[in-house]
Amino acid sequence: MKRGKAAGYDNLTLEHIVNSHPSLICHLCKLFNLMLKHCHVPNDFGRGIVIPLIKDKRGNVNDC
């Protein structure tokens, strides 16, 4: 991941993880291993934000 990107649905950025306490990596590892072991992924892990970008400003902005 590149630094300086916009935050996601949870308002976390790469900088939050990079500048966090080193024990966070252990906790995240345990979390993902438990998710694999129990075959369960929380619904919020599938959430995201989609922001359409207009590339042709002279074209129709309502055209998909």
Protein backbone atom coordinates (compact mmCIF):
# COMPACT_ATOMS: atom_id res chain seq x y z
CA MET A 1 0.00 0.00 0.00
CA LYS A 2 1.08 3.54 -0.65
CA ARG A 3 1.18 6.15 2.07
CA GLY A 4 -1.04 9.22 1.87
CA LYS A 5 -4.09 7.37 0.54
CA ALA A 6 -7.59 8.16 1.77
CA ALA A 7 -9.00 6.34 4.77
CA GLY A 8 -11.48 3.53 4.33
CA TYR A 9 -14.86 2.88 5.90
CA ASP A 10 -13.24 2.54 9.35
CA ASN A 11 -11.26 5.81 8.99
CA LEU A 12 -7.94 3.95 9.28
CA THR A 13 -5.02 4.71 7.01
CA LEU A 14 -1.70 2.98 6.44
CA GLU A 15 -0.07 5.57 8.68
CA HIS A 16 -2.16 4.35 11.63
CA ILE A 17 -0.76 0.84 11.25
CA VAL A 18 2.82 1.90 10.50
CA ASN A 19 2.96 4.23 13.52
CA SER A 20 1.14 1.90 15.92
CA HIS A 21 2.65 -0.17 18.72
CA PRO A 22 4.53 -3.28 17.50
CA SER A 23 2.16 -5.54 19.45
CA LEU A 24 -0.61 -4.62 16.98
CA ILE A 25 0.94 -7.01 14.45
CA CYS A 26 0.64 -9.89 16.94
CA HIS A 27 -2.99 -9.03 17.67
CA LEU A 28 -3.88 -8.76 13.98
CA CYS A 29 -2.14 -12.08 13.30
CA LYS A 30 -4.18 -13.77 16.05
CA LEU A 31 -7.37 -12.18 14.74
CA PHE A 32 -6.85 -13.41 11.17
CA ASN A 33 -5.76 -16.87 12.32
CA LEU A 34 -8.92 -17.19 14.43
CA MET A 35 -11.01 -16.05 11.46
CA LEU A 36 -9.43 -18.81 9.35
CA LYS A 37 -9.81 -21.40 12.10
CA HIS A 38 -13.50 -20.65 12.68
CA CYS A 39 -14.32 -19.91 9.01
CA HIS A 40 -15.96 -16.63 9.90
CA VAL A 41 -15.36 -13.15 8.51
CA PRO A 42 -17.22 -10.19 10.07
CA ASN A 43 -19.66 -8.43 7.75
CA ASP A 44 -17.88 -5.10 8.24
CA PHE A 45 -14.77 -6.52 6.54
CA GLY A 46 -16.70 -6.39 3.26
CA ARG A 47 -17.68 -2.75 3.56
CA GLY A 48 -15.99 -0.05 1.56
CA ILE A 49 -16.41 3.36 0.05
CA VAL A 50 -16.70 3.82 -3.71
CA ILE A 51 -16.26 7.32 -5.04
CA PRO A 52 -16.85 7.74 -8.78
CA LEU A 53 -14.28 9.94 -10.51
CA ILE A 54 -15.24 11.99 -13.54
CA LYS A 55 -12.47 11.63 -16.11
CA ASP A 56 -14.07 13.45 -19.05
CA LYS A 57 -15.35 16.75 -17.66
CA ARG A 58 -16.84 17.73 -21.02
CA GLY A 59 -18.83 14.48 -21.27
CA ASN A 60 -22.08 13.44 -19.61
CA VAL A 61 -21.48 13.20 -15.83
CA ASN A 62 -24.51 10.85 -15.47
CA ASP A 63 -23.08 8.33 -17.96
CA CYS A 64 -21.70 5.24 -16.26
